[in-house]
C-alpha atoms as a PDB file:
ATOM      1  CA  MET A   1      39.273 142.142 149.771  1.00  0.00           C
ATOM      2  CA  VAL A   2      35.653 141.064 149.472  1.00  0.00           C
ATOM      3  CA  GLY A   3      35.168 137.287 149.504  1.00  0.00           C
ATOM      4  CA  CYS A   4      34.378 135.591 146.229  1.00  0.00           C
ATOM      5  CA  THR A   5      33.177 132.254 147.500  1.00  0.00           C
ATOM      6  CA  PHE A   6      30.074 130.509 146.186  1.00  0.00           C
ATOM      7  CA  ARG A   7      28.152 130.335 149.443  1.00  0.00           C
ATOM      8  CA  ARG A   8      24.912 128.433 149.934  1.00  0.00           C
ATOM      9  CA  GLU A   9      22.845 131.646 149.957  1.00  0.00           C
ATOM     10  CA  LEU A  10      24.081 132.417 146.424  1.00  0.00           C
ATOM     11  CA  ARG A  11      22.453 129.261 145.021  1.00  0.00           C
ATOM     12  CA  LEU A  12      18.952 128.387 143.963  1.00  0.00           C
ATOM     13  CA  LEU A  13      18.305 125.267 146.008  1.00  0.00           C
ATOM     14  CA  THR A  14      14.657 124.215 145.966  1.00  0.00           C
ATOM     15  CA  ALA A  15      12.232 123.279 143.216  1.00  0.00           C
ATOM     16  CA  GLU A  16      10.061 126.189 144.358  1.00  0.00           C
ATOM     17  CA  GLN A  17      12.907 128.651 143.766  1.00  0.00           C
ATOM     18  CA  TYR A  18      13.511 127.227 140.284  1.00  0.00           C
ATOM     19  CA  SER A  19       9.779 127.306 139.464  1.00  0.00           C
ATOM     20  CA  HIS A  20       9.580 130.932 140.568  1.00  0.00           C
ATOM     21  CA  VAL A  21      12.264 131.882 138.029  1.00  0.00           C
ATOM     22  CA  PHE A  22      10.928 129.673 135.212  1.00  0.00           C
ATOM     23  CA  ALA A  23       7.435 131.175 135.672  1.00  0.00           C
ATOM     24  CA  ASP A  24       8.368 134.758 134.821  1.00  0.00           C
ATOM     25  CA  ALA A  25      11.923 135.191 133.596  1.00  0.00           C
ATOM     26  CA  ARG A  26      13.661 137.372 131.061  1.00  0.00           C
ATOM     27  CA  ARG A  27      15.756 135.329 128.641  1.00  0.00           C
ATOM     28  CA  PHE A  28      19.279 136.274 127.679  1.00  0.00           C
ATOM     29  CA  GLY A  29      21.232 134.013 125.397  1.00  0.00           C
ATOM     30  CA  ASN A  30      23.966 133.420 122.890  1.00  0.00           C
ATOM     31  CA  GLN A  31      25.076 130.476 120.748  1.00  0.00           C
ATOM     32  CA  SER A  32      25.951 128.306 123.743  1.00  0.00           C
ATOM     33  CA  PHE A  33      23.917 129.437 126.752  1.00  0.00           C
ATOM     34  CA  THR A  34      20.499 130.677 127.748  1.00  0.00           C
ATOM     35  CA  LEU A  35      20.267 132.557 131.025  1.00  0.00           C
ATOM     36  CA  LEU A  36      16.834 132.975 132.594  1.00  0.00           C
ATOM     37  CA  VAL A  37      16.833 136.024 134.852  1.00  0.00           C
ATOM     38  CA  ARG A  38      14.329 137.318 137.378  1.00  0.00           C
ATOM     39  CA  LEU A  39      14.739 140.089 139.942  1.00  0.00           C
ATOM     40  CA  ASN A  40      14.789 138.979 143.579  1.00  0.00           C
ATOM     41  CA  ASP A  41      14.515 140.708 146.947  1.00  0.00           C
ATOM     42  CA  GLN A  42      17.439 138.888 148.567  1.00  0.00           C
ATOM     43  CA  GLY A  43      19.973 141.695 148.194  1.00  0.00           C
ATOM     44  CA  HIS A  44      22.361 139.489 146.208  1.00  0.00           C
ATOM     45  CA  PRO A  45      22.310 137.396 143.022  1.00  0.00           C
ATOM     46  CA  ARG A  46      21.622 133.651 143.100  1.00  0.00           C
ATOM     47  CA  LEU A  47      22.540 131.020 140.517  1.00  0.00           C
ATOM     48  CA  GLY A  48      20.806 127.802 139.554  1.00  0.00           C
ATOM     49  CA  LEU A  49      22.111 125.312 137.007  1.00  0.00           C
ATOM     50  CA  ALA A  50      19.969 123.177 134.707  1.00  0.00           C
ATOM     51  CA  ILE A  51      22.361 121.424 132.340  1.00  0.00           C
ATOM     52  CA  ALA A  52      20.391 118.701 130.565  1.00  0.00           C
ATOM     53  CA  LYS A  53      21.715 115.414 129.225  1.00  0.00           C
ATOM     54  CA  LYS A  54      20.080 116.368 125.950  1.00  0.00           C
ATOM     55  CA  SER A  55      22.450 119.341 125.659  1.00  0.00           C
ATOM     56  CA  ALA A  56      25.626 117.749 127.012  1.00  0.00           C
ATOM     57  CA  LYS A  57      25.482 113.994 126.687  1.00  0.00           C
ATOM     58  CA  ARG A  58      28.670 113.093 128.550  1.00  0.00           C
ATOM     59  CA  SER A  59      28.768 113.684 132.296  1.00  0.00           C
ATOM     60  CA  VAL A  60      32.303 115.017 132.002  1.00  0.00           C
ATOM     61  CA  ASP A  61      31.007 117.774 129.695  1.00  0.00           C
ATOM     62  CA  ARG A  62      28.061 118.606 131.959  1.00  0.00           C
ATOM     63  CA  ASN A  63      30.332 118.811 134.992  1.00  0.00           C
ATOM     64  CA  ARG A  64      32.885 120.973 133.174  1.00  0.00           C
ATOM     65  CA  ILE A  65      30.194 123.395 132.026  1.00  0.00           C
ATOM     66  CA  LYS A  66      28.685 123.590 135.515  1.00  0.00           C
ATOM     67  CA  ARG A  67      32.097 124.170 137.058  1.00  0.00           C
ATOM     68  CA  LEU A  68      32.831 127.010 134.630  1.00  0.00           C
ATOM     69  CA  LEU A  69      29.394 128.575 135.162  1.00  0.00           C
ATOM     70  CA  ARG A  70      29.909 128.547 138.938  1.00  0.00           C
ATOM     71  CA  GLU A  71      33.413 129.973 138.599  1.00  0.00           C
ATOM     72  CA  SER A  72      32.303 132.759 136.275  1.00  0.00           C
ATOM     73  CA  PHE A  73      29.364 133.643 138.543  1.00  0.00           C
ATOM     74  CA  ARG A  74      31.551 133.517 141.652  1.00  0.00           C
ATOM     75  CA  ASN A  75      33.991 136.035 140.158  1.00  0.00           C
ATOM     76  CA  ARG A  76      31.189 138.309 138.951  1.00  0.00           C
ATOM     77  CA  GLN A  77      28.750 138.092 141.893  1.00  0.00           C
ATOM     78  CA  HIS A  78      29.597 141.496 143.381  1.00  0.00           C
ATOM     79  CA  GLN A  79      28.872 143.358 140.137  1.00  0.00           C
ATOM     80  CA  LEU A  80      25.539 141.658 139.453  1.00  0.00           C
ATOM     81  CA  PRO A  81      22.255 143.135 140.712  1.00  0.00           C
ATOM     82  CA  SER A  82      19.850 141.207 142.963  1.00  0.00           C
ATOM     83  CA  ILE A  83      18.654 138.627 140.461  1.00  0.00           C
ATOM     84  CA  ASP A  84      17.952 134.930 140.291  1.00  0.00           C
ATOM     85  CA  ILE A  85      19.617 133.234 137.329  1.00  0.00           C
ATOM     86  CA  ILE A  86      19.045 129.795 135.857  1.00  0.00           C
ATOM     87  CA  ALA A  87      21.715 128.765 133.366  1.00  0.00           C
ATOM     88  CA  LEU A  88      20.843 126.379 130.535  1.00  0.00           C
ATOM     89  CA  CYS A  89      23.322 125.201 127.931  1.00  0.00           C
ATOM     90  CA  ARG A  90      22.998 124.319 124.282  1.00  0.00           C
ATOM     91  CA  PRO A  91      24.824 121.429 122.590  1.00  0.00           C
ATOM     92  CA  SER A  92      27.341 123.812 121.010  1.00  0.00           C
ATOM     93  CA  ALA A  93      28.744 124.618 124.481  1.00  0.00           C
ATOM     94  CA  THR A  94      30.435 121.213 124.686  1.00  0.00           C
ATOM     95  CA  LYS A  95      32.624 122.045 121.679  1.00  0.00           C
ATOM     96  CA  LEU A  96      34.067 125.210 123.243  1.00  0.00           C
ATOM     97  CA  THR A  97      37.278 125.470 125.222  1.00  0.00           C
ATOM     98  CA  ASN A  98      37.165 126.567 128.854  1.00  0.00           C
ATOM     99  CA  GLU A  99      38.505 129.984 127.888  1.00  0.00           C
ATOM    100  CA  GLN A 100      35.836 130.457 125.212  1.00  0.00           C
ATOM    101  CA  ILE A 101      33.085 129.515 127.670  1.00  0.00           C
ATOM    102  CA  LEU A 102      34.373 131.972 130.263  1.00  0.00           C
ATOM    103  CA  GLN A 103      34.584 134.735 127.628  1.00  0.00           C
ATOM    104  CA  GLN A 104      31.011 134.109 126.482  1.00  0.00           C
ATOM    105  CA  LEU A 105      29.741 134.128 130.061  1.00  0.00           C
ATOM    106  CA  GLU A 106      31.582 137.361 130.850  1.00  0.00           C
ATOM    107  CA  LYS A 107      29.876 139.002 127.855  1.00  0.00           C
ATOM    108  CA  GLN A 108      26.522 137.697 129.052  1.00  0.00           C
ATOM    109  CA  TRP A 109      27.007 139.037 132.603  1.00  0.00           C
ATOM    110  CA  ARG A 110      27.880 142.499 131.227  1.00  0.00           C
ATOM    111  CA  TYR A 111      24.916 142.445 128.862  1.00  0.00           C
ATOM    112  CA  ILE A 112      22.521 141.453 131.663  1.00  0.00           C
ATOM    113  CA  GLU A 113      23.859 144.204 133.929  1.00  0.00           C
ATOM    114  CA  LYS A 114      23.418 146.781 131.162  1.00  0.00           C
ATOM    115  CA  LYS A 115      19.909 145.649 130.208  1.00  0.00           C
ATOM    116  CA  LEU A 116      18.665 145.549 133.801  1.00  0.00           C
ATOM    117  CA  LYS A 117      20.111 149.013 134.515  1.00  0.00           C
ATOM    118  CA  ASP A 118      18.439 150.459 131.423  1.00  0.00           C
ATOM    119  CA  GLY A 119      15.127 148.920 132.441  1.00  0.00           C
END
């Protein structure tokens, strides 16, 4: 079985890496999330999280959303192409259950895969 851990190399870590994605990213979104996506040459996808206090005022909500984003990405990492992703949330995300968030993210991952394959 292939490992599904969220290793350090699967994360966007530096401000430079975040800036690189923000500078020229494709936007994919739904009611609760915006995912900024840019192709990379790393050979694997990487995830960065930018969950603002403006979107999720309580720290417990921000932490829950980040935890679910990491979990969803971790389970999907082997199907995703070599892309850098920055996840942003909208205020409506705090009203969703964990299951609803995971379902929305799964739809987003599939949509991104399809769009990037099609060109």
